[in-house]
N, C-alpha and C. Protein backbone atom coordinates (compact mmCIF):
# COMPACT_ATOMS: atom_id res chain seq x y z
N MET A 1 -7.37 -5.95 -14.36
CA MET A 1 -7.63 -5.64 -13.15
C MET A 1 -7.09 -4.85 -12.36
N GLU A 2 -7.85 -3.40 -11.86
CA GLU A 2 -6.73 -2.26 -10.85
C GLU A 2 -7.40 -2.76 -9.69
N LEU A 3 -6.41 -2.58 -8.99
CA LEU A 3 -6.00 -3.30 -7.41
C LEU A 3 -7.51 -2.13 -6.91
N VAL A 4 -8.60 -2.50 -6.81
CA VAL A 4 -9.99 -2.10 -6.31
C VAL A 4 -10.53 -2.74 -4.81
N ASN A 5 -10.25 -3.91 -4.82
CA ASN A 5 -10.87 -4.38 -3.96
C ASN A 5 -9.55 -5.31 -3.42
N GLN A 6 -10.05 -6.13 -2.18
CA GLN A 6 -9.08 -6.37 -1.08
C GLN A 6 -9.40 -8.02 -2.14
N ASP A 7 -10.61 -8.79 -2.53
CA ASP A 7 -10.17 -10.19 -3.16
C ASP A 7 -9.18 -10.10 -4.51
N SER A 8 -9.36 -9.10 -5.09
CA SER A 8 -8.59 -8.65 -6.39
C SER A 8 -6.53 -8.70 -5.93
N LYS A 9 -7.02 -7.69 -4.64
CA LYS A 9 -5.64 -7.86 -4.29
C LYS A 9 -4.94 -9.20 -3.89
N LYS A 10 -5.53 -9.86 -2.65
CA LYS A 10 -5.57 -10.94 -2.39
C LYS A 10 -5.00 -12.18 -3.23
N LEU A 11 -5.40 -12.20 -4.49
CA LEU A 11 -5.33 -13.18 -5.73
C LEU A 11 -4.12 -12.76 -6.41
N LEU A 12 -3.78 -11.73 -5.85
CA LEU A 12 -2.85 -10.86 -7.33
C LEU A 12 -1.43 -11.29 -6.34
N PHE A 13 -1.69 -10.95 -4.81
CA PHE A 13 -0.17 -11.63 -3.51
C PHE A 13 -0.31 -13.09 -3.98
N GLU A 14 -1.63 -13.38 -3.74
CA GLU A 14 -0.93 -15.29 -3.42
C GLU A 14 -0.59 -15.82 -4.87
N ALA A 15 -0.61 -15.10 -6.67
CA ALA A 15 -0.08 -14.75 -7.61
C ALA A 15 1.31 -14.61 -7.60
N ILE A 16 1.94 -13.63 -7.20
CA ILE A 16 3.32 -13.16 -6.45
C ILE A 16 4.55 -13.95 -5.68
N ASP A 17 3.37 -14.93 -4.64
CA ASP A 17 4.28 -15.78 -3.26
C ASP A 17 4.57 -16.82 -4.87
N HIS A 18 3.28 -17.26 -5.73
CA HIS A 18 3.87 -18.11 -6.38
C HIS A 18 4.14 -18.41 -8.28
N TYR A 19 5.07 -17.02 -8.09
CA TYR A 19 5.76 -16.89 -9.75
C TYR A 19 7.30 -17.25 -8.96
N SER A 20 7.47 -18.02 -10.30
CA SER A 20 8.78 -18.33 -10.33
C SER A 20 9.41 -17.79 -10.41
N LEU A 21 9.46 -16.42 -11.20
CA LEU A 21 10.89 -15.82 -11.31
C LEU A 21 11.53 -15.15 -10.68
N PHE A 22 10.91 -14.75 -9.34
CA PHE A 22 11.33 -13.80 -8.26
C PHE A 22 11.48 -14.56 -7.43
N THR A 23 12.85 -14.01 -6.69
CA THR A 23 13.17 -14.91 -5.38
C THR A 23 11.86 -14.25 -4.03
N ASN A 24 12.10 -14.67 -2.82
CA ASN A 24 10.97 -14.20 -1.92
C ASN A 24 11.26 -12.58 -1.35
N ALA A 25 12.78 -12.23 -1.51
CA ALA A 25 12.85 -11.11 -1.36
C ALA A 25 11.96 -9.85 -2.14
N GLN A 26 12.04 -9.96 -3.40
CA GLN A 26 11.85 -9.76 -4.98
C GLN A 26 10.46 -9.68 -4.66
N LYS A 27 9.57 -10.73 -4.32
CA LYS A 27 8.07 -10.94 -3.98
C LYS A 27 7.85 -10.19 -3.07
N ASN A 28 8.39 -10.19 -1.81
CA ASN A 28 8.28 -9.37 -0.72
C ASN A 28 8.06 -7.74 -1.64
N LEU A 29 8.99 -7.11 -1.84
CA LEU A 29 9.40 -5.78 -2.14
C LEU A 29 7.86 -5.49 -3.74
N LEU A 30 8.19 -6.17 -4.35
CA LEU A 30 6.94 -5.91 -5.31
C LEU A 30 5.10 -5.21 -4.27
N LYS A 31 4.71 -6.51 -3.41
CA LYS A 31 4.07 -6.41 -2.81
C LYS A 31 3.94 -5.53 -1.67
N ILE A 32 5.07 -4.82 -1.29
CA ILE A 32 4.97 -3.62 -0.86
C ILE A 32 4.52 -2.35 -1.65
N LEU A 33 5.56 -2.29 -2.49
CA LEU A 33 4.94 -1.35 -3.62
C LEU A 33 3.65 -1.36 -3.76
N ILE A 34 2.67 -2.70 -4.28
CA ILE A 34 1.62 -2.47 -4.33
C ILE A 34 0.85 -2.28 -3.26
N GLU A 35 1.20 -2.21 -1.90
CA GLU A 35 0.46 -1.55 -0.83
C GLU A 35 0.32 -0.40 -0.98
N ILE A 36 1.88 0.24 -0.85
CA ILE A 36 1.97 1.98 -0.92
C ILE A 36 1.35 2.67 -2.17
N ALA A 37 0.65 1.93 -3.30
CA ALA A 37 0.59 2.62 -4.48
C ALA A 37 -0.56 3.14 -4.84
N VAL A 38 -0.38 4.32 -5.05
CA VAL A 38 -1.95 4.79 -5.02
C VAL A 38 -1.98 5.53 -6.86
N ASP A 39 -3.37 5.16 -7.12
CA ASP A 39 -3.37 4.59 -8.30
C ASP A 39 -1.81 3.68 -9.43
N ASN A 40 -1.74 3.15 -8.95
CA ASN A 40 -0.33 2.42 -9.57
C ASN A 40 0.61 3.36 -9.67
N LEU A 41 1.24 4.33 -8.84
CA LEU A 41 2.19 5.36 -8.94
C LEU A 41 2.95 5.02 -7.73
N VAL A 42 4.13 4.61 -7.29
CA VAL A 42 4.88 4.76 -5.54
C VAL A 42 5.81 5.83 -5.98
N ILE A 43 5.19 6.42 -4.84
CA ILE A 43 6.34 7.53 -4.09
C ILE A 43 6.78 7.51 -2.78
N THR A 44 8.49 7.12 -3.27
CA THR A 44 9.23 6.77 -1.37
C THR A 44 10.21 6.77 -1.64
N SER A 45 10.95 6.50 -0.46
CA SER A 45 12.61 6.38 -0.83
C SER A 45 13.08 5.25 -0.49
N MET A 46 14.03 4.77 -0.89
CA MET A 46 15.18 3.80 -0.86
C MET A 46 14.98 3.97 0.78
N THR A 47 15.68 4.68 1.33
CA THR A 47 14.66 4.74 3.03
C THR A 47 14.27 3.87 3.66
N ASP A 48 12.79 4.61 3.44
CA ASP A 48 11.64 4.01 3.65
C ASP A 48 11.76 2.88 3.13
N LEU A 49 11.78 2.39 2.16
CA LEU A 49 11.80 1.16 1.47
C LEU A 49 12.37 0.19 2.22
N LYS A 50 13.78 0.60 2.47
CA LYS A 50 14.62 -0.36 3.35
C LYS A 50 14.07 -0.32 4.78
N LYS A 51 13.12 0.45 5.70
CA LYS A 51 12.45 -0.33 6.30
C LYS A 51 11.17 -1.03 6.59
N LEU A 52 10.46 -0.75 5.42
CA LEU A 52 9.23 -1.55 5.03
C LEU A 52 9.32 -2.60 4.54
N THR A 53 10.64 -3.29 3.93
CA THR A 53 11.29 -4.17 3.57
C THR A 53 12.23 -5.24 4.43
N LYS A 54 12.64 -4.37 5.32
CA LYS A 54 13.73 -5.01 6.23
C LYS A 54 14.68 -5.73 5.45
N ALA A 55 15.43 -4.97 4.08
CA ALA A 55 15.98 -5.31 3.27
C ALA A 55 17.61 -4.87 3.37
N THR A 56 18.23 -4.62 2.38
CA THR A 56 19.85 -4.05 2.28
C THR A 56 19.55 -2.95 1.18
N ARG A 57 20.34 -2.38 1.88
CA ARG A 57 20.02 -1.56 0.12
C ARG A 57 20.67 -1.98 -1.12
N ILE A 58 20.99 -2.92 -1.19
CA ILE A 58 22.10 -3.78 -2.44
C ILE A 58 20.73 -4.58 -2.86
N THR A 59 20.15 -5.32 -1.71
CA THR A 59 18.69 -6.26 -2.17
C THR A 59 17.96 -5.10 -2.92
N LEU A 60 17.60 -4.35 -1.93
CA LEU A 60 16.40 -3.33 -3.04
C LEU A 60 16.84 -2.75 -4.11
N SER A 61 18.41 -2.41 -4.41
CA SER A 61 18.47 -2.07 -5.46
C SER A 61 18.54 -3.29 -6.83
N THR A 62 19.20 -4.35 -6.11
CA THR A 62 19.13 -5.57 -7.53
C THR A 62 17.47 -5.85 -7.52
N GLY A 63 16.52 -5.66 -6.43
CA GLY A 63 15.13 -6.26 -6.49
C GLY A 63 14.37 -5.21 -7.59
N LEU A 64 14.69 -4.12 -7.51
CA LEU A 64 13.68 -2.98 -8.08
C LEU A 64 14.40 -3.29 -9.05
N ASP A 65 15.64 -3.16 -9.92
CA ASP A 65 15.95 -3.78 -11.02
C ASP A 65 15.91 -4.51 -12.35
N LEU A 66 15.56 -5.86 -11.27
CA LEU A 66 15.01 -6.92 -12.07
C LEU A 66 13.38 -6.58 -12.37
N LEU A 67 12.24 -5.87 -10.97
CA LEU A 67 11.35 -5.36 -11.45
C LEU A 67 10.77 -4.38 -12.78
N GLU A 68 12.28 -3.71 -12.75
CA GLU A 68 11.71 -2.99 -13.79
C GLU A 68 12.19 -3.49 -15.71
N LYS A 69 13.43 -4.24 -15.02
CA LYS A 69 14.04 -5.45 -16.76
C LYS A 69 12.81 -5.95 -16.98
N GLU A 70 11.74 -6.88 -15.78
CA GLU A 70 10.88 -7.57 -16.67
C GLU A 70 9.52 -7.33 -16.80
N GLY A 71 9.72 -5.67 -16.51
CA GLY A 71 8.59 -4.40 -16.89
C GLY A 71 7.43 -4.69 -15.45
N VAL A 72 7.64 -4.64 -15.28
CA VAL A 72 6.88 -4.96 -13.27
C VAL A 72 6.43 -3.77 -13.32
N ILE A 73 7.50 -2.65 -13.32
CA ILE A 73 7.33 -1.55 -13.29
C ILE A 73 8.09 -0.36 -13.45
N GLU A 74 8.13 0.61 -13.91
CA GLU A 74 8.66 1.42 -14.51
C GLU A 74 9.48 2.61 -13.87
N ILE A 75 10.84 2.69 -13.63
CA ILE A 75 11.72 3.59 -12.48
C ILE A 75 11.10 5.02 -13.02
N SER A 76 10.99 5.86 -12.67
CA SER A 76 11.28 7.32 -12.71
C SER A 76 12.72 7.66 -12.51
N LYS A 77 13.61 8.49 -13.34
CA LYS A 77 14.12 8.49 -13.78
C LYS A 77 14.76 10.30 -12.67
N SER A 78 15.15 10.78 -12.03
CA SER A 78 16.03 11.15 -11.20
C SER A 78 17.27 11.82 -11.27
N ASN A 79 17.83 12.72 -11.67
CA ASN A 79 18.99 13.08 -11.71
C ASN A 79 19.93 13.09 -9.90
N GLY A 80 21.02 12.05 -9.82
CA GLY A 80 21.43 11.67 -8.82
C GLY A 80 20.59 11.36 -8.02
N VAL A 81 19.62 10.45 -8.04
CA VAL A 81 18.95 9.98 -7.38
C VAL A 81 18.48 8.54 -7.77
N LYS A 82 19.16 7.42 -7.04
CA LYS A 82 18.64 5.94 -7.53
C LYS A 82 17.28 6.02 -7.72
N PHE A 83 16.22 6.34 -6.54
CA PHE A 83 14.91 5.44 -6.48
C PHE A 83 14.36 7.23 -5.89
N THR A 84 13.43 7.39 -6.36
CA THR A 84 12.29 8.22 -5.80
C THR A 84 10.60 8.03 -6.55
N SER A 85 10.37 7.40 -6.83
CA SER A 85 9.30 6.51 -7.47
C SER A 85 9.04 5.83 -8.35
N CYS A 86 8.20 5.32 -8.57
CA CYS A 86 7.84 4.09 -9.83
C CYS A 86 6.30 3.82 -10.70
N GLN A 87 6.58 3.57 -11.23
CA GLN A 87 5.06 3.06 -11.99
C GLN A 87 4.52 1.64 -12.38
N LEU A 88 3.63 1.28 -11.23
CA LEU A 88 3.03 0.12 -11.58
C LEU A 88 2.99 -0.29 -13.08
N GLN A 89 3.11 -1.12 -13.32
CA GLN A 89 2.55 -2.10 -14.70
C GLN A 89 1.65 -2.67 -14.53
N GLN A 90 0.26 -2.42 -14.84
CA GLN A 90 -0.87 -2.80 -14.67
C GLN A 90 -0.93 -4.46 -15.53
N LYS A 91 -0.43 -4.12 -16.83
CA LYS A 91 -1.24 -5.41 -17.72
C LYS A 91 0.34 -6.19 -16.96
N LYS A 92 1.40 -5.69 -17.02
CA LYS A 92 2.32 -7.42 -16.04
C LYS A 92 1.68 -7.79 -15.16
N LEU A 93 1.88 -6.82 -14.24
CA LEU A 93 0.70 -7.81 -13.09
C LEU A 93 -0.38 -8.37 -13.38
N ASP A 94 -0.78 -8.20 -14.25
CA ASP A 94 -2.47 -8.88 -14.70
C ASP A 94 -1.80 -10.44 -15.00
N ASP A 95 -0.91 -10.49 -15.63
CA ASP A 95 -0.16 -11.13 -16.61
C ASP A 95 0.21 -12.80 -15.35
N ILE A 96 0.94 -11.71 -14.50
CA ILE A 96 1.33 -12.10 -13.26
C ILE A 96 0.12 -13.60 -12.37
N VAL A 97 -1.34 -12.75 -12.62
CA VAL A 97 -2.86 -13.71 -12.42
C VAL A 97 -2.62 -14.66 -12.71
N ILE A 98 -2.45 -14.12 -14.87
CA ILE A 98 -2.91 -15.01 -15.43
C ILE A 98 -2.14 -16.07 -15.49
N HIS A 99 -0.98 -15.91 -15.41
CA HIS A 99 -0.09 -17.19 -14.97
C HIS A 99 -0.49 -18.23 -14.08
N PHE A 100 -0.32 -17.78 -13.28
CA PHE A 100 -1.06 -18.37 -11.79
C PHE A 100 -2.25 -19.67 -11.86
N GLN A 101 -3.29 -18.41 -12.69
CA GLN A 101 -4.25 -18.65 -13.06
C GLN A 101 -4.42 -20.36 -13.64
N LYS A 102 -3.82 -20.04 -14.43
CA LYS A 102 -3.60 -21.16 -15.39
C LYS A 102 -3.03 -22.36 -15.03
N LYS A 103 -1.79 -21.91 -14.13
CA LYS A 103 -0.70 -23.12 -13.81
C LYS A 103 -1.69 -23.68 -12.52
N ALA A 104 -3.17 -22.99 -12.01
CA ALA A 104 -3.14 -23.88 -11.13
C ALA A 104 -4.39 -24.76 -11.42
N GLN A 105 -5.22 -24.03 -12.49
CA GLN A 105 -6.20 -24.61 -13.12
C GLN A 105 -5.30 -26.14 -13.95
N LEU A 106 -4.41 -26.11 -14.38
CA LEU A 106 -3.87 -27.35 -15.11
C LEU A 106 -3.42 -28.67 -13.68
N LEU A 107 -2.72 -28.12 -12.36
CA LEU A 107 -2.41 -28.19 -11.20
C LEU A 107 -4.14 -29.48 -10.81
N LYS A 108 -5.27 -28.75 -11.18
CA LYS A 108 -5.97 -28.88 -10.48
C LYS A 108 -6.65 -30.18 -11.44
N GLU A 109 -6.41 -29.95 -12.58
CA GLU A 109 -7.19 -31.20 -13.57
C GLU A 109 -6.36 -32.80 -13.06
N GLN A 110 -5.12 -31.67 -12.91
CA GLN A 110 -4.36 -33.13 -12.73
C GLN A 110 -4.50 -34.36 -11.84
N LEU A 111 -5.36 -33.27 -10.76
CA LEU A 111 -5.80 -34.37 -9.27
C LEU A 111 -6.57 -36.04 -9.49
């Protein structure tokens, strides 16, 4: 599911909001990364991410590390620089949406 239209992005953001593995700060960070990505490539600095998320540097570092550990992003490694870019992993974003849809369907069936 490429992020081509607003409906797919809205569904993805709703799925992220309900993804219990991430904290609210990590969910916000992921949504910011998605917003500023071009063809799933994010090029930014920690300073810009700090401004966009209103989070501390340590919160961002922890969030980026978890997102990478969980396979949601792949951080480009540059010597001497903590973060300059990352690649969003479309398959993992799709999985987050699928988990959300399955859970929503099960909850709906129980009503």
